Amino acid sequence: MPIVFAHLFGLVIGAALAWVASPTLGSNEGPIVLSRPFAVVVAFASFVWLPVVGYFAAFHGDWSYLYLVSPRQVPSAIDLGLVLLAVLAVVAGFWLAVGPVRTRRTGLLVALMAVPGGIATVSLPFVIHRLSVSGTFAQFHGHFGTEPIAASALGRGVLFMGILVAAGIAWTVRALMQMGYDAPS
């Protein structure tokens, strides 16, 4: 996951998970940070989203920054901060969506998912070439030595991490739905 898009997708994932947890959230008026769905979302953000975003920032930084800046010029503290902000985006997306979920204002909930998702989608045509190649900042800008993502270690990383995120989301959705079945009517 490129660090440039990780925050946007994090917000979308968090809001979508709040929607999945709506049966539990609707029956619980207490503080959201003390709820079981919040704990599950924090676990997803910490144990799935953090390693995935962190992997690309640490091992494929050139690609993660879409070859816009050289990762050698970015202090590691900035990398860490951006990765942690991506994790917080998942939690923030969930937290922001709780109010609309509890009051059944689906328009606001859809907007919480559509705006960041739309920004990422509209940006894709402008960065698809950058996403499709593997190389260093110097190789990309010097037009030498890059290779298609499918033939690189980066491509295998994207595939593996994509599977990991999909499995993490599936587990989280299952856990949140099970809480909904167990929630009092």
N, C-alpha and C. Protein backbone atom coordinates (compact mmCIF):
# COMPACT_ATOMS: atom_id res chain seq x y z
N MET A 1 0.84 -1.17 0.00
CA MET A 1 0.00 0.00 0.00
C MET A 1 0.89 1.24 0.00
N PRO A 2 0.81 2.01 -1.05
CA PRO A 2 1.59 3.26 -1.05
C PRO A 2 1.17 4.15 0.11
N ILE A 3 2.12 4.74 0.77
CA ILE A 3 1.86 5.59 1.92
C ILE A 3 0.96 6.75 1.52
N VAL A 4 1.01 7.14 0.25
CA VAL A 4 0.20 8.24 -0.24
C VAL A 4 -1.29 7.91 -0.17
N PHE A 5 -1.65 6.65 -0.37
CA PHE A 5 -3.06 6.23 -0.36
C PHE A 5 -3.48 5.54 0.92
N ALA A 6 -2.56 5.17 1.78
CA ALA A 6 -2.88 4.37 2.96
C ALA A 6 -3.86 5.08 3.89
N HIS A 7 -3.75 6.39 3.99
CA HIS A 7 -4.63 7.15 4.88
C HIS A 7 -6.05 7.18 4.32
N LEU A 8 -6.16 7.37 3.02
CA LEU A 8 -7.49 7.41 2.40
C LEU A 8 -8.19 6.07 2.53
N PHE A 9 -7.47 5.00 2.19
CA PHE A 9 -8.08 3.67 2.29
C PHE A 9 -8.35 3.30 3.75
N GLY A 10 -7.51 3.78 4.67
CA GLY A 10 -7.74 3.53 6.09
C GLY A 10 -9.06 4.13 6.55
N LEU A 11 -9.34 5.36 6.13
CA LEU A 11 -10.62 5.99 6.48
C LEU A 11 -11.80 5.20 5.94
N VAL A 12 -11.68 4.75 4.69
CA VAL A 12 -12.76 3.98 4.07
C VAL A 12 -12.97 2.66 4.81
N ILE A 13 -11.90 1.96 5.11
CA ILE A 13 -12.00 0.69 5.81
C ILE A 13 -12.63 0.88 7.19
N GLY A 14 -12.19 1.90 7.92
CA GLY A 14 -12.73 2.16 9.24
C GLY A 14 -14.22 2.45 9.20
N ALA A 15 -14.65 3.30 8.28
CA ALA A 15 -16.08 3.62 8.16
C ALA A 15 -16.89 2.39 7.74
N ALA A 16 -16.34 1.60 6.82
CA ALA A 16 -17.04 0.39 6.40
C ALA A 16 -17.19 -0.61 7.54
N LEU A 17 -16.16 -0.71 8.38
CA LEU A 17 -16.25 -1.61 9.53
C LEU A 17 -17.27 -1.11 10.54
N ALA A 18 -17.45 0.20 10.67
CA ALA A 18 -18.50 0.73 11.55
C ALA A 18 -19.87 0.34 11.01
N TRP A 19 -20.03 0.40 9.72
CA TRP A 19 -21.29 0.00 9.10
C TRP A 19 -21.58 -1.48 9.36
N VAL A 20 -20.55 -2.31 9.25
CA VAL A 20 -20.71 -3.74 9.53
C VAL A 20 -21.09 -3.95 11.00
N ALA A 21 -20.54 -3.14 11.88
CA ALA A 21 -20.80 -3.28 13.31
C ALA A 21 -22.08 -2.58 13.75
N SER A 22 -22.89 -2.09 12.81
CA SER A 22 -24.06 -1.29 13.17
C SER A 22 -25.03 -1.99 14.12
N PRO A 23 -25.29 -3.30 14.03
CA PRO A 23 -26.19 -3.90 15.01
C PRO A 23 -25.67 -3.78 16.45
N THR A 24 -24.39 -3.95 16.62
CA THR A 24 -23.80 -3.84 17.95
C THR A 24 -23.73 -2.38 18.39
N LEU A 25 -23.32 -1.51 17.50
CA LEU A 25 -23.18 -0.10 17.84
C LEU A 25 -24.53 0.55 18.12
N GLY A 26 -25.56 0.11 17.40
CA GLY A 26 -26.90 0.67 17.61
C GLY A 26 -27.49 0.32 18.95
N SER A 27 -27.09 -0.81 19.51
CA SER A 27 -27.64 -1.24 20.80
C SER A 27 -26.77 -0.82 21.97
N ASN A 28 -25.63 -0.17 21.70
CA ASN A 28 -24.70 0.24 22.75
C ASN A 28 -24.54 1.75 22.70
N GLU A 29 -25.02 2.44 23.70
CA GLU A 29 -24.92 3.91 23.73
C GLU A 29 -23.72 4.39 24.55
N GLY A 30 -22.93 3.48 25.08
CA GLY A 30 -21.78 3.86 25.90
C GLY A 30 -20.66 4.45 25.07
N PRO A 31 -19.56 4.80 25.73
CA PRO A 31 -18.41 5.35 25.01
C PRO A 31 -17.86 4.32 24.01
N ILE A 32 -17.62 4.80 22.81
CA ILE A 32 -17.19 3.90 21.74
C ILE A 32 -15.85 3.26 22.06
N VAL A 33 -14.96 3.97 22.74
CA VAL A 33 -13.62 3.43 23.00
C VAL A 33 -13.67 2.25 23.98
N LEU A 34 -14.78 2.06 24.67
CA LEU A 34 -14.92 0.93 25.60
C LEU A 34 -15.69 -0.23 24.99
N SER A 35 -16.08 -0.10 23.72
CA SER A 35 -16.89 -1.14 23.09
C SER A 35 -16.03 -2.25 22.48
N ARG A 36 -16.61 -3.41 22.35
CA ARG A 36 -15.91 -4.54 21.72
C ARG A 36 -15.62 -4.28 20.25
N PRO A 37 -16.56 -3.69 19.47
CA PRO A 37 -16.23 -3.41 18.06
C PRO A 37 -15.02 -2.49 17.91
N PHE A 38 -14.89 -1.50 18.78
CA PHE A 38 -13.73 -0.60 18.72
C PHE A 38 -12.44 -1.39 18.95
N ALA A 39 -12.47 -2.30 19.91
CA ALA A 39 -11.28 -3.12 20.20
C ALA A 39 -10.91 -3.98 19.00
N VAL A 40 -11.91 -4.52 18.31
CA VAL A 40 -11.64 -5.36 17.14
C VAL A 40 -11.04 -4.52 16.02
N VAL A 41 -11.56 -3.31 15.81
CA VAL A 41 -11.03 -2.44 14.76
C VAL A 41 -9.60 -2.00 15.10
N VAL A 42 -9.33 -1.69 16.35
CA VAL A 42 -7.97 -1.34 16.77
C VAL A 42 -7.03 -2.52 16.54
N ALA A 43 -7.51 -3.73 16.81
CA ALA A 43 -6.69 -4.92 16.56
C ALA A 43 -6.39 -5.07 15.07
N PHE A 44 -7.40 -4.87 14.22
CA PHE A 44 -7.16 -4.93 12.77
C PHE A 44 -6.13 -3.88 12.36
N ALA A 45 -6.31 -2.65 12.83
CA ALA A 45 -5.40 -1.57 12.46
C ALA A 45 -3.98 -1.86 12.93
N SER A 46 -3.86 -2.44 14.12
CA SER A 46 -2.54 -2.69 14.70
C SER A 46 -1.84 -3.92 14.14
N PHE A 47 -2.60 -4.98 13.92
CA PHE A 47 -1.98 -6.25 13.55
C PHE A 47 -2.03 -6.57 12.06
N VAL A 48 -2.81 -5.80 11.30
CA VAL A 48 -2.87 -6.03 9.86
C VAL A 48 -2.42 -4.77 9.11
N TRP A 49 -3.11 -3.66 9.32
CA TRP A 49 -2.83 -2.45 8.56
C TRP A 49 -1.43 -1.90 8.84
N LEU A 50 -1.03 -1.86 10.10
CA LEU A 50 0.30 -1.36 10.47
C LEU A 50 1.43 -2.13 9.79
N PRO A 51 1.44 -3.47 9.87
CA PRO A 51 2.54 -4.18 9.20
C PRO A 51 2.53 -4.03 7.68
N VAL A 52 1.35 -3.96 7.08
CA VAL A 52 1.28 -3.84 5.62
C VAL A 52 1.82 -2.49 5.18
N VAL A 53 1.31 -1.42 5.75
CA VAL A 53 1.77 -0.08 5.37
C VAL A 53 3.25 0.08 5.75
N GLY A 54 3.63 -0.42 6.91
CA GLY A 54 5.01 -0.33 7.34
C GLY A 54 5.97 -1.10 6.45
N TYR A 55 5.54 -2.25 5.96
CA TYR A 55 6.38 -3.06 5.06
C TYR A 55 6.75 -2.25 3.81
N PHE A 56 5.75 -1.64 3.19
CA PHE A 56 6.04 -0.90 1.96
C PHE A 56 6.87 0.35 2.24
N ALA A 57 6.61 1.01 3.34
CA ALA A 57 7.40 2.20 3.68
C ALA A 57 8.86 1.81 3.96
N ALA A 58 9.06 0.67 4.62
CA ALA A 58 10.41 0.26 5.01
C ALA A 58 11.20 -0.39 3.87
N PHE A 59 10.54 -1.25 3.09
CA PHE A 59 11.28 -2.05 2.11
C PHE A 59 11.11 -1.60 0.66
N HIS A 60 10.07 -0.84 0.39
CA HIS A 60 9.83 -0.35 -0.97
C HIS A 60 9.44 1.12 -0.91
N GLY A 61 10.25 1.88 -0.21
CA GLY A 61 9.95 3.29 0.04
C GLY A 61 9.80 4.12 -1.22
N ASP A 62 10.62 3.85 -2.23
CA ASP A 62 10.52 4.61 -3.48
C ASP A 62 9.12 4.47 -4.07
N TRP A 63 8.65 3.23 -4.15
CA TRP A 63 7.32 2.94 -4.69
C TRP A 63 6.24 3.47 -3.75
N SER A 64 6.45 3.30 -2.44
CA SER A 64 5.47 3.73 -1.46
C SER A 64 5.21 5.23 -1.54
N TYR A 65 6.24 5.99 -1.87
CA TYR A 65 6.09 7.44 -2.05
C TYR A 65 5.81 7.79 -3.52
N LEU A 66 5.50 6.78 -4.32
CA LEU A 66 5.16 6.95 -5.74
C LEU A 66 6.26 7.66 -6.52
N TYR A 67 7.50 7.47 -6.10
CA TYR A 67 8.66 8.07 -6.75
C TYR A 67 8.57 9.60 -6.78
N LEU A 68 7.78 10.19 -5.88
CA LEU A 68 7.67 11.65 -5.80
C LEU A 68 8.83 12.26 -5.02
N VAL A 69 9.29 11.55 -4.01
CA VAL A 69 10.46 11.97 -3.24
C VAL A 69 11.34 10.74 -3.03
N SER A 70 12.61 10.98 -2.87
CA SER A 70 13.52 9.88 -2.58
C SER A 70 13.39 9.53 -1.10
N PRO A 71 13.18 8.26 -0.77
CA PRO A 71 13.07 7.90 0.64
C PRO A 71 14.35 8.18 1.42
N ARG A 72 15.46 8.32 0.74
CA ARG A 72 16.71 8.66 1.42
C ARG A 72 16.67 10.08 1.97
N GLN A 73 15.81 10.91 1.39
CA GLN A 73 15.68 12.29 1.85
C GLN A 73 14.62 12.43 2.94
N VAL A 74 13.89 11.36 3.21
CA VAL A 74 12.82 11.39 4.21
C VAL A 74 13.35 10.75 5.48
N PRO A 75 13.38 11.49 6.58
CA PRO A 75 13.84 10.90 7.84
C PRO A 75 12.93 9.73 8.25
N SER A 76 13.52 8.74 8.88
CA SER A 76 12.74 7.56 9.28
C SER A 76 11.63 7.92 10.26
N ALA A 77 11.81 8.99 11.01
CA ALA A 77 10.75 9.42 11.93
C ALA A 77 9.51 9.87 11.15
N ILE A 78 9.71 10.45 9.98
CA ILE A 78 8.58 10.85 9.13
C ILE A 78 7.87 9.60 8.61
N ASP A 79 8.67 8.61 8.17
CA ASP A 79 8.08 7.33 7.74
C ASP A 79 7.22 6.74 8.85
N LEU A 80 7.80 6.67 10.04
CA LEU A 80 7.09 6.11 11.18
C LEU A 80 5.82 6.90 11.46
N GLY A 81 5.91 8.20 11.45
CA GLY A 81 4.75 9.05 11.69
C GLY A 81 3.66 8.83 10.67
N LEU A 82 4.02 8.73 9.39
CA LEU A 82 3.03 8.51 8.34
C LEU A 82 2.38 7.13 8.45
N VAL A 83 3.17 6.13 8.83
CA VAL A 83 2.62 4.80 9.02
C VAL A 83 1.65 4.80 10.20
N LEU A 84 2.02 5.43 11.29
CA LEU A 84 1.13 5.50 12.45
C LEU A 84 -0.13 6.31 12.14
N LEU A 85 -0.01 7.34 11.33
CA LEU A 85 -1.20 8.10 10.92
C LEU A 85 -2.12 7.24 10.06
N ALA A 86 -1.55 6.37 9.24
CA ALA A 86 -2.38 5.46 8.44
C ALA A 86 -3.15 4.51 9.34
N VAL A 87 -2.51 4.05 10.41
CA VAL A 87 -3.20 3.19 11.38
C VAL A 87 -4.30 3.97 12.08
N LEU A 88 -3.99 5.20 12.48
CA LEU A 88 -4.99 6.03 13.12
C LEU A 88 -6.14 6.37 12.18
N ALA A 89 -5.89 6.41 10.88
CA ALA A 89 -6.95 6.69 9.91
C ALA A 89 -8.03 5.61 9.95
N VAL A 90 -7.63 4.35 10.13
CA VAL A 90 -8.61 3.27 10.24
C VAL A 90 -9.48 3.49 11.47
N VAL A 91 -8.84 3.76 12.59
CA VAL A 91 -9.56 3.98 13.85
C VAL A 91 -10.41 5.25 13.75
N ALA A 92 -9.87 6.29 13.15
CA ALA A 92 -10.63 7.54 13.00
C ALA A 92 -11.83 7.35 12.08
N GLY A 93 -11.66 6.61 11.00
CA GLY A 93 -12.79 6.33 10.11
C GLY A 93 -13.91 5.61 10.84
N PHE A 94 -13.53 4.65 11.68
CA PHE A 94 -14.53 3.93 12.47
C PHE A 94 -15.20 4.88 13.46
N TRP A 95 -14.39 5.64 14.18
CA TRP A 95 -14.90 6.55 15.20
C TRP A 95 -15.82 7.61 14.60
N LEU A 96 -15.44 8.17 13.46
CA LEU A 96 -16.26 9.18 12.80
C LEU A 96 -17.58 8.61 12.30
N ALA A 97 -17.59 7.34 11.95
CA ALA A 97 -18.79 6.71 11.40
C ALA A 97 -19.76 6.23 12.47
N VAL A 98 -19.33 6.17 13.71
CA VAL A 98 -20.20 5.65 14.77
C VAL A 98 -21.45 6.51 14.94
N GLY A 99 -21.30 7.83 14.95
CA GLY A 99 -22.45 8.72 15.09
C GLY A 99 -23.49 8.49 14.01
N PRO A 100 -23.10 8.55 12.73
CA PRO A 100 -24.07 8.29 11.67
C PRO A 100 -24.67 6.87 11.73
N VAL A 101 -23.88 5.90 12.16
CA VAL A 101 -24.40 4.54 12.28
C VAL A 101 -25.46 4.47 13.37
N ARG A 102 -25.18 5.08 14.52
CA ARG A 102 -26.13 5.05 15.63
C ARG A 102 -27.41 5.80 15.33
N THR A 103 -27.32 6.88 14.57
CA THR A 103 -28.51 7.67 14.24
C THR A 103 -29.11 7.28 12.90
N ARG A 104 -28.54 6.27 12.28
CA ARG A 104 -29.01 5.74 11.00
C ARG A 104 -29.03 6.80 9.88
N ARG A 105 -28.03 7.66 9.89
CA ARG A 105 -27.87 8.65 8.82
C ARG A 105 -26.93 8.07 7.78
N THR A 106 -27.48 7.27 6.90
CA THR A 106 -26.65 6.55 5.92
C THR A 106 -25.99 7.48 4.92
N GLY A 107 -26.60 8.63 4.64
CA GLY A 107 -25.99 9.57 3.71
C GLY A 107 -24.63 10.04 4.19
N LEU A 108 -24.56 10.36 5.46
CA LEU A 108 -23.28 10.81 6.03
C LEU A 108 -22.27 9.66 6.07
N LEU A 109 -22.76 8.47 6.36
CA LEU A 109 -21.88 7.30 6.38
C LEU A 109 -21.32 7.02 4.99
N VAL A 110 -22.17 7.09 3.99
CA VAL A 110 -21.72 6.88 2.61
C VAL A 110 -20.70 7.95 2.23
N ALA A 111 -20.94 9.19 2.64
CA ALA A 111 -19.99 10.27 2.34
C ALA A 111 -18.63 10.01 2.99
N LEU A 112 -18.65 9.47 4.22
CA LEU A 112 -17.39 9.16 4.90
C LEU A 112 -16.57 8.12 4.13
N MET A 113 -17.25 7.26 3.40
CA MET A 113 -16.55 6.25 2.60
C MET A 113 -16.28 6.75 1.18
N ALA A 114 -17.24 7.49 0.61
CA ALA A 114 -17.13 7.88 -0.80
C ALA A 114 -16.09 8.98 -1.04
N VAL A 115 -15.97 9.92 -0.13
CA VAL A 115 -15.04 11.03 -0.37
C VAL A 115 -13.59 10.55 -0.42
N PRO A 116 -13.08 9.86 0.63
CA PRO A 116 -11.68 9.40 0.50
C PRO A 116 -11.51 8.35 -0.59
N GLY A 117 -12.50 7.48 -0.73
CA GLY A 117 -12.41 6.47 -1.80
C GLY A 117 -12.43 7.11 -3.17
N GLY A 118 -13.24 8.15 -3.32
CA GLY A 118 -13.30 8.87 -4.60
C GLY A 118 -12.01 9.59 -4.91
N ILE A 119 -11.41 10.21 -3.90
CA ILE A 119 -10.13 10.90 -4.11
C ILE A 119 -9.07 9.91 -4.59
N ALA A 120 -9.01 8.75 -3.95
CA ALA A 120 -8.04 7.72 -4.36
C ALA A 120 -8.32 7.23 -5.77
N THR A 121 -9.59 7.00 -6.08
CA THR A 121 -9.96 6.49 -7.40
C THR A 121 -9.67 7.51 -8.50
N VAL A 122 -9.99 8.77 -8.26
CA VAL A 122 -9.73 9.82 -9.25
C VAL A 122 -8.23 10.01 -9.45
N SER A 123 -7.44 9.76 -8.41
CA SER A 123 -5.98 9.92 -8.51
C SER A 123 -5.31 8.79 -9.29
N LEU A 124 -5.94 7.63 -9.33
CA LEU A 124 -5.31 6.45 -9.95
C LEU A 124 -4.82 6.66 -11.38
N PRO A 125 -5.62 7.24 -12.28
CA PRO A 125 -5.10 7.40 -13.65
C PRO A 125 -3.81 8.23 -13.73
N PHE A 126 -3.62 9.12 -12.76
CA PHE A 126 -2.44 9.98 -12.78
C PHE A 126 -1.20 9.28 -12.23
N VAL A 127 -1.39 8.20 -11.47
CA VAL A 127 -0.25 7.53 -10.85
C VAL A 127 -0.11 6.07 -11.25
N ILE A 128 -0.94 5.60 -12.16
CA ILE A 128 -0.92 4.17 -12.51
C ILE A 128 0.44 3.75 -13.06
N HIS A 129 1.09 4.61 -13.81
CA HIS A 129 2.43 4.25 -14.32
C HIS A 129 3.41 4.10 -13.17
N ARG A 130 3.33 4.97 -12.18
CA ARG A 130 4.22 4.89 -11.03
C ARG A 130 3.96 3.63 -10.20
N LEU A 131 2.71 3.22 -10.13
CA LEU A 131 2.36 2.01 -9.38
C LEU A 131 2.74 0.73 -10.11
N SER A 132 2.91 0.81 -11.41
CA SER A 132 3.12 -0.40 -12.20
C SER A 132 4.58 -0.77 -12.40
N VAL A 133 5.51 0.02 -11.87
CA VAL A 133 6.93 -0.29 -12.04
C VAL A 133 7.63 -0.39 -10.69
N SER A 134 8.68 -1.15 -10.67
CA SER A 134 9.51 -1.31 -9.49
C SER A 134 10.91 -0.81 -9.81
N GLY A 135 11.43 -0.01 -8.92
CA GLY A 135 12.77 0.52 -9.10
C GLY A 135 13.05 1.52 -8.00
N THR A 136 14.17 2.18 -8.13
CA THR A 136 14.52 3.22 -7.16
C THR A 136 14.07 4.57 -7.71
N PHE A 137 14.13 5.57 -6.86
CA PHE A 137 13.80 6.93 -7.26
C PHE A 137 14.68 7.34 -8.45
N ALA A 138 15.99 7.07 -8.35
CA ALA A 138 16.92 7.45 -9.42
C ALA A 138 16.61 6.69 -10.71
N GLN A 139 16.31 5.40 -10.60
CA GLN A 139 15.99 4.62 -11.80
C GLN A 139 14.72 5.13 -12.47
N PHE A 140 13.71 5.42 -11.68
CA PHE A 140 12.44 5.88 -12.24
C PHE A 140 12.63 7.21 -12.97
N HIS A 141 13.32 8.14 -12.35
CA HIS A 141 13.49 9.46 -12.95
C HIS A 141 14.58 9.48 -14.02
N GLY A 142 15.50 8.52 -13.98
CA GLY A 142 16.54 8.42 -15.01
C GLY A 142 16.13 7.54 -16.17
N HIS A 143 14.96 6.93 -16.08
CA HIS A 143 14.43 6.06 -17.13
C HIS A 143 15.36 4.89 -17.46
N PHE A 144 15.87 4.24 -16.40
CA PHE A 144 16.71 3.06 -16.60
C PHE A 144 16.47 2.08 -15.45
N GLY A 145 16.63 0.82 -15.72
CA GLY A 145 16.66 -0.21 -14.69
C GLY A 145 15.36 -0.53 -13.98
N THR A 146 14.26 0.05 -14.37
CA THR A 146 13.00 -0.31 -13.72
C THR A 146 12.49 -1.61 -14.34
N GLU A 147 11.63 -2.27 -13.63
CA GLU A 147 11.01 -3.49 -14.15
C GLU A 147 9.52 -3.47 -13.84
N PRO A 148 8.75 -4.20 -14.61
CA PRO A 148 7.32 -4.25 -14.33
C PRO A 148 7.08 -4.83 -12.93
N ILE A 149 6.10 -4.33 -12.26
CA ILE A 149 5.84 -4.76 -10.89
C ILE A 149 5.57 -6.27 -10.82
N ALA A 150 4.94 -6.81 -11.83
CA ALA A 150 4.61 -8.24 -11.82
C ALA A 150 5.84 -9.13 -11.81
N ALA A 151 6.97 -8.64 -12.30
CA ALA A 151 8.19 -9.44 -12.38
C ALA A 151 9.16 -9.15 -11.25
N SER A 152 8.70 -8.47 -10.22
CA SER A 152 9.63 -8.03 -9.17
C SER A 152 9.24 -8.56 -7.80
N ALA A 153 10.16 -8.40 -6.86
CA ALA A 153 9.86 -8.74 -5.47
C ALA A 153 8.75 -7.86 -4.93
N LEU A 154 8.69 -6.63 -5.40
CA LEU A 154 7.61 -5.73 -5.01
C LEU A 154 6.26 -6.30 -5.40
N GLY A 155 6.16 -6.86 -6.59
CA GLY A 155 4.91 -7.46 -7.04
C GLY A 155 4.47 -8.60 -6.15
N ARG A 156 5.44 -9.44 -5.75
CA ARG A 156 5.11 -10.53 -4.83
C ARG A 156 4.67 -9.98 -3.48
N GLY A 157 5.30 -8.89 -3.05
CA GLY A 157 4.91 -8.24 -1.80
C GLY A 157 3.50 -7.66 -1.88
N VAL A 158 3.19 -7.03 -3.00
CA VAL A 158 1.84 -6.47 -3.19
C VAL A 158 0.80 -7.59 -3.15
N LEU A 159 1.09 -8.69 -3.82
CA LEU A 159 0.16 -9.82 -3.83
C LEU A 159 -0.02 -10.40 -2.43
N PHE A 160 1.08 -10.67 -1.75
CA PHE A 160 1.01 -11.25 -0.41
C PHE A 160 0.31 -10.32 0.56
N MET A 161 0.67 -9.03 0.53
CA MET A 161 0.05 -8.08 1.46
C MET A 161 -1.42 -7.85 1.12
N GLY A 162 -1.77 -7.92 -0.16
CA GLY A 162 -3.17 -7.83 -0.55
C GLY A 162 -3.99 -8.98 0.02
N ILE A 163 -3.42 -10.17 -0.03
CA ILE A 163 -4.07 -11.35 0.55
C ILE A 163 -4.18 -11.19 2.06
N LEU A 164 -3.13 -10.68 2.68
CA LEU A 164 -3.14 -10.46 4.12
C LEU A 164 -4.21 -9.45 4.53
N VAL A 165 -4.33 -8.35 3.80
CA VAL A 165 -5.36 -7.35 4.11
C VAL A 165 -6.75 -7.94 3.90
N ALA A 166 -6.94 -8.66 2.80
CA ALA A 166 -8.25 -9.27 2.54
C ALA A 166 -8.63 -10.26 3.64
N ALA A 167 -7.68 -11.08 4.07
CA ALA A 167 -7.95 -12.04 5.15
C ALA A 167 -8.22 -11.30 6.46
N GLY A 168 -7.47 -10.24 6.73
CA GLY A 168 -7.69 -9.45 7.94
C GLY A 168 -9.06 -8.78 7.95
N ILE A 169 -9.46 -8.25 6.81
CA ILE A 169 -10.78 -7.64 6.72
C ILE A 169 -11.86 -8.70 6.88
N ALA A 170 -11.67 -9.85 6.26
CA ALA A 170 -12.67 -10.93 6.38
C ALA A 170 -12.80 -11.37 7.84
N TRP A 171 -11.68 -11.53 8.53
CA TRP A 171 -11.73 -11.92 9.94
C TRP A 171 -12.43 -10.85 10.77
N THR A 172 -12.10 -9.58 10.51
CA THR A 172 -12.69 -8.47 11.27
C THR A 172 -14.18 -8.38 11.02
N VAL A 173 -14.59 -8.50 9.77
CA VAL A 173 -16.03 -8.47 9.45
C VAL A 173 -16.75 -9.63 10.13
N ARG A 174 -16.15 -10.81 10.10
CA ARG A 174 -16.75 -11.97 10.76
C ARG A 174 -16.90 -11.72 12.25
N ALA A 175 -15.87 -11.19 12.89
CA ALA A 175 -15.92 -10.92 14.32
C ALA A 175 -16.98 -9.87 14.65
N LEU A 176 -17.06 -8.81 13.83
CA LEU A 176 -18.06 -7.76 14.08
C LEU A 176 -19.48 -8.27 13.83
N MET A 177 -19.65 -9.09 12.82
CA MET A 177 -20.98 -9.64 12.55
C MET A 177 -21.40 -10.60 13.65
N GLN A 178 -20.46 -11.37 14.17
CA GLN A 178 -20.78 -12.29 15.26
C GLN A 178 -21.22 -11.49 16.49
N MET A 179 -20.59 -10.37 16.74
CA MET A 179 -21.03 -9.51 17.85
C MET A 179 -22.45 -9.02 17.62
N GLY A 180 -22.78 -8.74 16.37
CA GLY A 180 -24.13 -8.29 16.03
C GLY A 180 -25.16 -9.36 16.29
N TYR A 181 -24.80 -10.62 16.03
CA TYR A 181 -25.73 -11.73 16.29
C TYR A 181 -25.91 -11.93 17.79
N ASP A 182 -24.84 -11.65 18.53
CA ASP A 182 -24.90 -11.83 19.99
C ASP A 182 -25.50 -10.64 20.71
N ALA A 183 -25.67 -9.50 19.99
CA ALA A 183 -26.19 -8.29 20.63
C ALA A 183 -27.65 -8.47 21.01
N PRO A 184 -28.07 -7.90 22.16
CA PRO A 184 -29.47 -7.99 22.55
C PRO A 184 -30.36 -7.22 21.58
N SER A 185 -31.53 -7.75 21.32
CA SER A 185 -32.45 -7.11 20.37
C SER A 185 -33.26 -6.02 21.01
